[in-house]
Amino acid sequence: MSAIALADGERLHWPGGVRLGDRTVAVLVFLSGFVFIEPSPSDVLLIGTAIVWAFCGLRLNRYSLPHTVLLLCYIAGGWIAFTQVRDFTRPFSYMMTSTFLVASSIFFAAVIAEAPERRLSLIRNAYVAVGVVAALIGVLAYFGVLPHSELFKRYDRAMGPFKDPNVFAPFLVLPLCFLVRDILTRRLRDSVWTILGTLVIIFAIFLAFSRAAWGLSVIAVLVTAYLAFASSTNKLVRFRLVAYLLAGSAAIMLLLAVAVSVPAIRDLYEIRAHVVQDYDDGHGGRFDRQWNGFFLIQEKPLGLGPWEFAKIFGDDQHNMWLKGFTDYGWLGGFSYIILVAWTLAESCRLLFRQRPWTPIVQCAFAVYFGHVFLMHNVIDNDHWRHLYLIYGILWGAVAAEKLMRRNQRRPTTTAPSITRRTIAAAT
């Protein structure tokens, strides 16, 4: 919405549209933290937003084409697999949600590529805001402080404004990384509110009792800290970063030890802290289903369709790689594997660029790294809105970097505000 499309392909800059468009992006991100139903409020808003943005001149960027094409292949595979189901009602709703999420990722990548510094900052701030709000809802509801607190809990686990604790907790990891990086790279006296927000999010993640989210939090924070450390050449800043990280880790462990002293929390922690649960191992367990599933997909190139795996084996896949093939067919499964490899390769090149938005990209990469190497192997992620947002952040940054480097090689683009045609070329 940053420009109005003209008949000759040029775009006319409209400051009011820029502000409205930016605020809409922030609202979309904020609403992604409230997922009681599917399609969620953010999915519905996205439809109208994307249509208006397209009408006003938003363009897909050729540098994010791998992301766009591979996601479209992924969702196309899902609709092909949809033809294999017998009862279409529930699978249709599932595939519509998947389509919304793919569209959201492509949309975010496009709007970020247009104005990376401004829009990544907006996305970051909106995500931190909704992360703290959602975490606070989860914590207060866990202790019964909120009216109708039972709506925000499941199986005595905090789930905040989500349908599942195993989605709620991973959603909070990216804002956690944003805040942790701020604490590690700033003076302590400037980080009081940041520390409070961080503690709320950490406590909410803990009370969700999601083993995978606990592991994701540790991996993502460590990767974020390493990237912040490696990005700095100042020895004093590096020393302070390490000191803050060690002191913060000790303080968090102490606070969690106090929390575990509460009998109800301790009992559930003792159950959830085991790496392997009863439902993971043995005949018909998670690992057994996954093993049999990988043999089954070799016979089903079109896939099984949504929910069909659970009908055959009694429960869901709990593995993103397997789910890619069962619910989205060979086309979707292989497309997703290629997308992951391509995303890792392209985003790694951005981690140490001297750009204002590099800290945001580093945090997004850290969380994405944890998803690929941990979460994808233990839980289904294909309806996690924050994962598609992370894809949009990374590929939007990739496109922005390549656009910037291309424009630097073109003398005519050194002053992009001179003509309308130059504005269109730069975006």
Protein backbone atom coordinates (compact mmCIF):
# COMPACT_ATOMS: atom_id res chain seq x y z
CA MET A 1 0.00 0.00 0.00
CA SER A 2 3.07 2.16 -0.23
CA ALA A 3 2.20 3.19 -3.78
CA ILE A 4 -0.66 3.37 -6.25
CA ALA A 5 -0.22 1.47 -9.50
CA LEU A 6 -0.29 3.63 -12.65
CA ALA A 7 -1.35 2.61 -16.13
CA ASP A 8 2.18 2.71 -17.56
CA GLY A 9 3.61 0.49 -14.81
CA GLU A 10 4.96 3.36 -12.70
CA ARG A 11 3.89 3.86 -9.11
CA LEU A 12 2.94 7.09 -7.41
CA HIS A 13 4.15 7.48 -3.85
CA TRP A 14 1.35 8.09 -1.33
CA PRO A 15 2.55 8.92 2.22
CA GLY A 16 -0.85 8.25 3.76
CA GLY A 17 -0.92 4.83 2.15
CA VAL A 18 2.56 4.09 3.51
CA ARG A 19 1.48 4.79 7.08
CA LEU A 20 -1.78 2.86 6.73
CA GLY A 21 -0.01 -0.07 5.10
CA ASP A 22 2.66 -0.20 7.78
CA ARG A 23 0.08 -0.17 10.54
CA THR A 24 -1.85 -2.95 8.82
CA VAL A 25 1.29 -5.11 8.77
CA ALA A 26 1.78 -4.48 12.49
CA VAL A 27 -1.86 -5.39 13.21
CA LEU A 28 -1.54 -8.62 11.21
CA VAL A 29 1.50 -9.63 13.25
CA PHE A 30 -0.19 -8.71 16.53
CA LEU A 31 -3.34 -10.70 15.69
CA SER A 32 -1.24 -13.76 14.87
CA GLY A 33 -0.88 -14.19 18.63
CA PHE A 34 -4.61 -14.97 19.02
CA VAL A 35 -5.45 -18.32 17.48
CA PHE A 36 -8.54 -19.80 19.12
CA ILE A 37 -10.08 -20.86 15.83
CA GLU A 38 -8.99 -21.59 12.27
CA PRO A 39 -9.06 -19.58 10.11
CA SER A 40 -7.88 -17.13 12.76
CA PRO A 41 -8.65 -13.36 12.81
CA SER A 42 -5.26 -12.65 11.23
CA ASP A 43 -6.02 -15.06 8.37
CA VAL A 44 -9.29 -13.28 7.60
CA LEU A 45 -7.69 -9.83 7.75
CA LEU A 46 -4.87 -11.02 5.50
CA ILE A 47 -7.27 -11.75 2.64
CA GLY A 48 -8.55 -8.19 2.39
CA THR A 49 -5.13 -6.70 3.10
CA ALA A 50 -3.39 -8.66 0.37
CA ILE A 51 -6.06 -7.74 -2.18
CA VAL A 52 -5.82 -4.02 -1.35
CA TRP A 53 -2.01 -4.09 -1.38
CA ALA A 54 -1.98 -5.86 -4.75
CA PHE A 55 -4.38 -3.29 -6.17
CA CYS A 56 -2.24 -0.44 -4.83
CA GLY A 57 0.93 -1.72 -6.46
CA LEU A 58 2.62 -4.32 -4.25
CA ARG A 59 4.87 -6.47 -6.40
CA LEU A 60 6.44 -9.86 -5.89
CA ASN A 61 10.20 -9.65 -6.00
CA ARG A 62 12.20 -11.89 -8.31
CA TYR A 63 14.86 -12.33 -5.64
CA SER A 64 12.33 -14.07 -3.38
CA LEU A 65 11.06 -16.20 -6.26
CA PRO A 66 12.44 -19.50 -4.83
CA HIS A 67 10.44 -18.90 -1.66
CA THR A 68 7.28 -18.08 -3.61
CA VAL A 69 7.52 -20.92 -6.13
CA LEU A 70 8.42 -23.60 -3.59
CA LEU A 71 5.61 -22.59 -1.24
CA LEU A 72 3.15 -22.62 -4.15
CA CYS A 73 4.37 -26.10 -5.10
CA TYR A 74 4.00 -27.14 -1.47
CA ILE A 75 0.39 -25.97 -1.26
CA ALA A 76 -0.39 -27.35 -4.73
CA GLY A 77 0.79 -30.74 -3.51
CA GLY A 78 -1.56 -30.36 -0.56
CA TRP A 79 -4.57 -29.70 -2.77
CA ILE A 80 -3.65 -32.70 -4.92
CA ALA A 81 -3.43 -34.83 -1.76
CA PHE A 82 -6.81 -33.40 -0.73
CA THR A 83 -8.38 -35.33 -3.61
CA GLN A 84 -7.45 -38.59 -1.87
CA VAL A 85 -9.74 -38.05 1.15
CA ARG A 86 -13.31 -39.29 1.40
CA ASP A 87 -14.83 -36.81 3.83
CA PHE A 88 -13.96 -33.34 2.49
CA THR A 89 -15.39 -31.09 5.23
CA ARG A 90 -12.59 -31.04 7.80
CA PRO A 91 -9.73 -31.45 5.28
CA PHE A 92 -11.10 -28.55 3.22
CA SER A 93 -10.92 -26.21 6.23
CA TYR A 94 -7.42 -27.50 6.92
CA MET A 95 -6.21 -26.83 3.38
CA MET A 96 -7.79 -23.37 3.33
CA THR A 97 -5.84 -22.50 6.46
CA SER A 98 -2.65 -23.84 4.88
CA THR A 99 -3.33 -21.69 1.82
CA PHE A 100 -3.84 -18.58 3.97
CA LEU A 101 -0.53 -19.22 5.74
CA VAL A 102 1.39 -19.69 2.49
CA ALA A 103 -0.14 -16.45 1.19
CA SER A 104 0.85 -14.68 4.41
CA SER A 105 4.48 -15.73 4.05
CA ILE A 106 4.65 -14.54 0.44
CA PHE A 107 2.93 -11.29 1.45
CA PHE A 108 5.32 -10.57 4.32
CA ALA A 109 8.36 -11.27 2.14
CA ALA A 110 7.06 -8.83 -0.48
CA VAL A 111 6.30 -5.97 1.91
CA ILE A 112 9.59 -6.41 3.77
CA ALA A 113 11.60 -6.31 0.54
CA GLU A 114 10.06 -2.90 -0.26
CA ALA A 115 11.16 -1.22 2.98
CA PRO A 116 13.18 -3.63 5.12
CA GLU A 117 14.35 -1.30 7.87
CA ARG A 118 10.99 0.25 8.60
CA ARG A 119 8.79 -2.81 8.24
CA LEU A 120 11.09 -5.27 10.00
CA SER A 121 11.17 -2.86 12.92
CA LEU A 122 7.36 -2.70 12.93
CA ILE A 123 7.07 -6.47 12.75
CA ARG A 124 9.59 -6.89 15.54
CA ASN A 125 7.82 -4.43 17.83
CA ALA A 126 4.37 -5.88 17.13
CA TYR A 127 5.63 -9.41 17.74
CA VAL A 128 7.28 -8.45 21.04
CA ALA A 129 4.08 -6.69 22.15
CA VAL A 130 1.81 -9.63 21.38
CA GLY A 131 4.39 -12.05 22.81
CA VAL A 132 4.37 -10.29 26.18
CA VAL A 133 0.57 -9.95 26.15
CA ALA A 134 0.04 -13.62 25.23
CA ALA A 135 2.61 -14.75 27.81
CA LEU A 136 0.97 -12.64 30.51
CA ILE A 137 -2.43 -14.13 29.67
CA GLY A 138 -0.95 -17.61 29.90
CA VAL A 139 0.75 -17.02 33.25
CA LEU A 140 -2.22 -15.28 34.89
CA ALA A 141 -4.66 -17.88 33.61
CA TYR A 142 -2.44 -20.71 34.86
CA PHE A 143 -2.81 -19.40 38.41
CA GLY A 144 -6.53 -18.69 37.96
CA VAL A 145 -6.23 -14.91 38.17
CA LEU A 146 -8.17 -14.18 34.97
CA PRO A 147 -11.93 -14.71 34.59
CA HIS A 148 -12.63 -18.01 32.82
CA SER A 149 -8.99 -19.01 33.22
CA GLU A 150 -9.84 -22.54 32.11
CA LEU A 151 -10.15 -21.23 28.53
CA PHE A 152 -6.44 -20.50 28.50
CA LYS A 153 -5.24 -23.83 29.93
CA ARG A 154 -5.24 -27.41 28.77
CA TYR A 155 -4.20 -30.48 30.77
CA ASP A 156 -2.98 -28.11 33.52
CA ARG A 157 -0.61 -26.49 31.01
CA ALA A 158 -0.62 -22.81 30.02
CA MET A 159 -1.68 -22.23 26.42
CA GLY A 160 -2.59 -18.52 26.45
CA PRO A 161 -4.74 -17.32 23.52
CA PHE A 162 -3.93 -20.46 21.49
CA LYS A 163 -5.56 -23.84 20.99
CA ASP A 164 -2.55 -25.88 22.12
CA PRO A 165 0.30 -25.39 24.63
CA ASN A 166 2.68 -26.92 22.07
CA VAL A 167 1.94 -24.02 19.71
CA PHE A 168 1.73 -21.30 22.35
CA ALA A 169 5.22 -21.87 23.75
CA PRO A 170 7.14 -21.97 20.44
CA PHE A 171 5.33 -18.81 19.35
CA LEU A 172 6.98 -17.00 22.26
CA VAL A 173 10.54 -17.98 21.39
CA LEU A 174 11.14 -15.33 18.71
CA PRO A 175 10.08 -12.38 20.93
CA LEU A 176 12.19 -13.98 23.65
CA CYS A 177 15.21 -13.84 21.35
CA PHE A 178 14.48 -10.23 20.41
CA LEU A 179 14.41 -9.22 24.08
CA VAL A 180 17.41 -11.33 25.10
CA ARG A 181 19.50 -9.81 22.34
CA ASP A 182 18.50 -6.33 23.49
CA ILE A 183 19.57 -7.13 27.04
CA LEU A 184 22.89 -8.61 25.94
CA THR A 185 23.82 -5.67 23.73
CA ARG A 186 22.66 -2.73 25.86
CA ARG A 187 23.49 -1.27 29.24
CA LEU A 188 21.69 -3.01 32.06
CA ARG A 189 20.16 0.20 33.38
CA ASP A 190 18.42 0.69 30.01
CA SER A 191 16.89 -2.79 30.05
CA VAL A 192 14.61 -2.87 33.11
CA TRP A 193 11.35 -3.22 31.18
CA THR A 194 13.02 -5.54 28.69
CA ILE A 195 14.10 -7.82 31.53
CA LEU A 196 10.59 -7.88 32.98
CA GLY A 197 9.11 -8.79 29.59
CA THR A 198 11.74 -11.50 29.16
CA LEU A 199 10.93 -13.05 32.54
CA VAL A 200 7.20 -13.11 31.76
CA ILE A 201 7.84 -14.89 28.45
CA ILE A 202 10.26 -17.39 29.99
CA PHE A 203 7.80 -18.23 32.76
CA ALA A 204 5.00 -18.70 30.22
CA ILE A 205 7.15 -21.04 28.13
CA PHE A 206 7.97 -23.03 31.25
CA LEU A 207 4.32 -23.27 32.34
CA ALA A 208 3.34 -24.58 28.91
CA PHE A 209 5.35 -27.69 29.80
CA SER A 210 6.32 -28.28 26.18
CA ARG A 211 9.59 -30.22 26.09
CA ALA A 212 10.20 -29.26 22.47
CA ALA A 213 9.63 -25.57 23.23
CA TRP A 214 12.06 -25.76 26.13
CA GLY A 215 14.68 -27.18 23.81
CA LEU A 216 13.86 -24.64 21.11
CA SER A 217 14.25 -21.79 23.61
CA VAL A 218 17.70 -22.96 24.67
CA ILE A 219 18.91 -23.49 21.10
CA ALA A 220 17.52 -20.20 19.79
CA VAL A 221 18.85 -18.10 22.67
CA LEU A 222 22.31 -19.67 22.41
CA VAL A 223 22.44 -19.11 18.64
CA THR A 224 21.22 -15.53 19.11
CA ALA A 225 23.88 -14.89 21.76
CA TYR A 226 26.60 -16.40 19.56
CA LEU A 227 25.60 -14.27 16.56
CA ALA A 228 25.52 -11.13 18.72
CA PHE A 229 28.95 -12.04 20.12
CA ALA A 230 30.42 -12.74 16.67
CA SER A 231 28.97 -9.52 15.25
CA SER A 232 30.80 -7.34 17.75
CA THR A 233 34.49 -6.51 17.43
CA ASN A 234 34.65 -4.61 20.73
CA LYS A 235 36.25 -6.74 23.44
CA LEU A 236 34.48 -4.89 26.25
CA VAL A 237 31.09 -5.43 24.59
CA ARG A 238 31.90 -9.11 24.11
CA PHE A 239 32.92 -9.50 27.75
CA ARG A 240 29.74 -7.77 28.91
CA LEU A 241 27.65 -9.99 26.64
CA VAL A 242 29.14 -13.18 28.09
CA ALA A 243 28.82 -11.86 31.64
CA TYR A 244 25.17 -10.91 31.12
CA LEU A 245 24.41 -14.28 29.55
CA LEU A 246 25.95 -16.24 32.43
CA ALA A 247 24.37 -14.07 35.11
CA GLY A 248 20.99 -14.17 33.38
CA SER A 249 21.11 -17.95 33.00
CA ALA A 250 21.90 -18.36 36.69
CA ALA A 251 19.05 -16.02 37.69
CA ILE A 252 16.57 -17.86 35.46
CA MET A 253 17.59 -21.24 36.82
CA LEU A 254 17.08 -19.91 40.35
CA LEU A 255 13.64 -18.55 39.52
CA LEU A 256 12.59 -21.81 37.85
CA ALA A 257 13.84 -23.73 40.89
CA VAL A 258 11.56 -21.59 43.05
CA ALA A 259 8.65 -22.24 40.68
CA VAL A 260 9.22 -26.00 40.80
CA SER A 261 8.89 -25.84 44.59
CA VAL A 262 5.14 -25.32 44.06
CA PRO A 263 3.67 -28.86 44.37
CA ALA A 264 1.32 -28.67 41.35
CA ILE A 265 4.10 -27.35 39.12
CA ARG A 266 6.62 -29.86 40.47
CA ASP A 267 4.37 -32.85 39.80
CA LEU A 268 3.74 -31.88 36.18
CA TYR A 269 7.39 -30.95 35.66
CA GLU A 270 8.52 -34.38 36.84
CA ILE A 271 6.23 -35.96 34.25
CA ARG A 272 7.06 -33.65 31.35
CA ALA A 273 10.81 -33.42 31.98
CA HIS A 274 11.43 -36.94 30.67
CA VAL A 275 12.86 -36.86 27.15
CA VAL A 276 10.83 -39.92 26.09
CA GLN A 277 7.25 -40.34 27.27
CA ASP A 278 5.17 -43.52 27.35
CA TYR A 279 3.34 -42.47 24.19
CA ASP A 280 6.62 -41.98 22.29
CA ASP A 281 8.13 -45.45 22.55
CA GLY A 282 6.83 -48.96 22.00
CA HIS A 283 4.41 -50.47 19.50
CA GLY A 284 2.02 -47.85 18.15
CA GLY A 285 4.00 -45.03 19.75
CA ARG A 286 5.19 -41.85 18.08
CA PHE A 287 8.44 -43.33 16.77
CA ASP A 288 6.76 -46.52 15.58
CA ARG A 289 4.12 -44.48 13.67
CA GLN A 290 6.79 -42.38 12.05
CA TRP A 291 8.81 -45.41 10.98
CA ASN A 292 5.78 -47.06 9.39
CA GLY A 293 4.71 -43.76 7.87
CA PHE A 294 7.97 -43.33 5.97
CA PHE A 295 7.42 -46.72 4.35
CA LEU A 296 3.79 -45.87 3.55
CA ILE A 297 4.57 -42.64 1.68
CA GLN A 298 6.76 -44.57 -0.77
CA GLU A 299 3.54 -46.11 -2.06
CA LYS A 300 1.52 -42.87 -2.06
CA PRO A 301 3.06 -40.27 -4.41
CA LEU A 302 -0.10 -38.13 -4.24
CA GLY A 303 -0.12 -38.27 -0.45
CA LEU A 304 -2.90 -39.27 1.92
CA GLY A 305 -4.57 -35.93 2.53
CA PRO A 306 -5.15 -34.07 5.82
CA TRP A 307 -6.09 -36.16 8.89
CA GLU A 308 -5.82 -39.47 7.00
CA PHE A 309 -2.57 -40.49 8.69
CA ALA A 310 -4.24 -40.36 12.11
CA LYS A 311 -7.10 -42.53 10.84
CA ILE A 312 -4.61 -45.20 9.79
CA PHE A 313 -2.16 -45.09 12.70
CA GLY A 314 -4.28 -43.69 15.53
CA ASP A 315 -2.49 -40.36 15.97
CA ASP A 316 -0.77 -37.57 14.04
CA GLN A 317 2.69 -37.71 12.51
CA HIS A 318 4.47 -35.35 14.93
CA ASN A 319 7.16 -34.94 12.31
CA MET A 320 7.20 -32.11 9.77
CA TRP A 321 9.19 -34.02 7.16
CA LEU A 322 6.79 -36.97 7.24
CA LYS A 323 3.75 -34.69 7.30
CA GLY A 324 5.03 -32.92 4.21
CA PHE A 325 4.73 -36.15 2.25
CA THR A 326 1.55 -37.56 3.82
CA ASP A 327 -0.54 -34.37 3.74
CA TYR A 328 1.07 -32.64 0.74
CA GLY A 329 2.28 -35.57 -1.39
CA TRP A 330 5.66 -36.04 -2.99
CA LEU A 331 5.35 -32.64 -4.66
CA GLY A 332 4.81 -30.87 -1.33
CA GLY A 333 7.28 -33.00 0.62
CA PHE A 334 10.21 -32.49 -1.74
CA SER A 335 9.33 -28.81 -2.26
CA TYR A 336 9.49 -28.21 1.46
CA ILE A 337 12.87 -29.95 1.84
CA ILE A 338 14.29 -27.81 -0.98
CA LEU A 339 12.77 -24.68 0.60
CA VAL A 340 14.42 -25.42 3.95
CA ALA A 341 17.85 -26.01 2.37
CA TRP A 342 17.56 -22.88 0.21
CA THR A 343 16.38 -20.74 3.11
CA LEU A 344 19.28 -21.83 5.31
CA ALA A 345 21.80 -21.17 2.53
CA GLU A 346 20.45 -17.73 1.61
CA SER A 347 19.84 -16.48 5.14
CA CYS A 348 23.30 -17.52 6.36
CA ARG A 349 24.75 -14.92 4.00
CA LEU A 350 22.85 -12.16 5.79
CA LEU A 351 23.92 -12.87 9.36
CA PHE A 352 26.92 -10.58 9.47
CA ARG A 353 25.93 -7.89 6.98
CA GLN A 354 26.23 -4.33 8.26
CA ARG A 355 22.54 -3.51 7.98
CA PRO A 356 20.18 -1.84 10.48
CA TRP A 357 17.91 -4.89 10.36
CA THR A 358 20.64 -7.53 10.84
CA PRO A 359 19.79 -8.08 14.56
CA ILE A 360 16.21 -8.94 13.60
CA VAL A 361 17.41 -11.32 10.90
CA GLN A 362 19.82 -12.96 13.35
CA CYS A 363 17.01 -13.64 15.84
CA ALA A 364 14.71 -14.97 13.12
CA PHE A 365 17.48 -17.23 11.84
CA ALA A 366 18.20 -18.54 15.34
CA VAL A 367 14.57 -19.53 15.85
CA TYR A 368 14.33 -20.97 12.34
CA PHE A 369 17.49 -23.01 12.96
CA GLY A 370 15.87 -24.48 16.07
CA HIS A 371 12.69 -25.30 14.18
CA VAL A 372 14.53 -27.11 11.40
CA PHE A 373 16.85 -29.17 13.56
CA LEU A 374 14.55 -29.82 16.52
CA MET A 375 10.89 -28.93 16.13
CA HIS A 376 10.45 -30.36 12.64
CA ASN A 377 11.49 -33.76 13.99
CA VAL A 378 9.13 -33.95 16.96
CA ILE A 379 5.96 -32.01 16.12
CA ASP A 380 3.83 -30.86 13.18
CA ASN A 381 4.49 -27.20 12.28
CA ASP A 382 2.59 -26.66 9.05
CA HIS A 383 -0.09 -24.48 10.73
CA TRP A 384 2.25 -22.42 12.90
CA ARG A 385 1.75 -18.81 11.86
CA HIS A 386 5.01 -17.62 13.33
CA LEU A 387 6.94 -20.12 11.19
CA TYR A 388 5.49 -18.67 7.99
CA LEU A 389 6.24 -15.18 9.33
CA ILE A 390 9.86 -16.22 9.88
CA TYR A 391 10.04 -17.44 6.28
CA GLY A 392 8.69 -14.05 5.21
CA ILE A 393 11.24 -12.20 7.35
CA LEU A 394 14.19 -14.18 6.05
CA TRP A 395 13.21 -14.10 2.38
CA GLY A 396 12.16 -10.46 2.57
CA ALA A 397 15.61 -9.67 3.94
CA VAL A 398 17.24 -11.80 1.24
CA ALA A 399 15.37 -9.90 -1.47
CA ALA A 400 16.11 -6.53 0.13
CA GLU A 401 19.83 -7.31 0.29
CA LYS A 402 19.98 -8.35 -3.35
CA LEU A 403 17.96 -5.31 -4.41
CA MET A 404 20.33 -3.07 -2.50
CA ARG A 405 23.40 -4.65 -4.05
CA ARG A 406 21.84 -4.43 -7.52
CA ASN A 407 20.95 -0.77 -7.06
CA GLN A 408 24.44 0.03 -5.83
CA ARG A 409 25.73 -1.17 -9.19
CA ARG A 410 23.36 1.19 -11.00
CA PRO A 411 24.38 4.86 -10.87
CA THR A 412 20.84 5.95 -11.74
CA THR A 413 19.47 4.51 -8.51
CA THR A 414 21.67 6.50 -6.15
CA ALA A 415 18.87 9.03 -5.66
CA PRO A 416 15.69 6.92 -5.71
CA SER A 417 13.36 9.80 -4.91
CA ILE A 418 14.10 11.79 -8.09
CA THR A 419 11.55 10.15 -10.36
CA ARG A 420 8.54 7.89 -10.05
CA ARG A 421 10.16 5.35 -12.37
CA THR A 422 13.17 5.09 -10.11
CA ILE A 423 10.90 4.44 -7.13
CA ALA A 424 9.21 1.60 -9.00
CA ALA A 425 12.59 0.12 -10.02
CA ALA A 426 13.88 0.21 -6.43
CA THR A 427 10.85 -1.65 -5.07
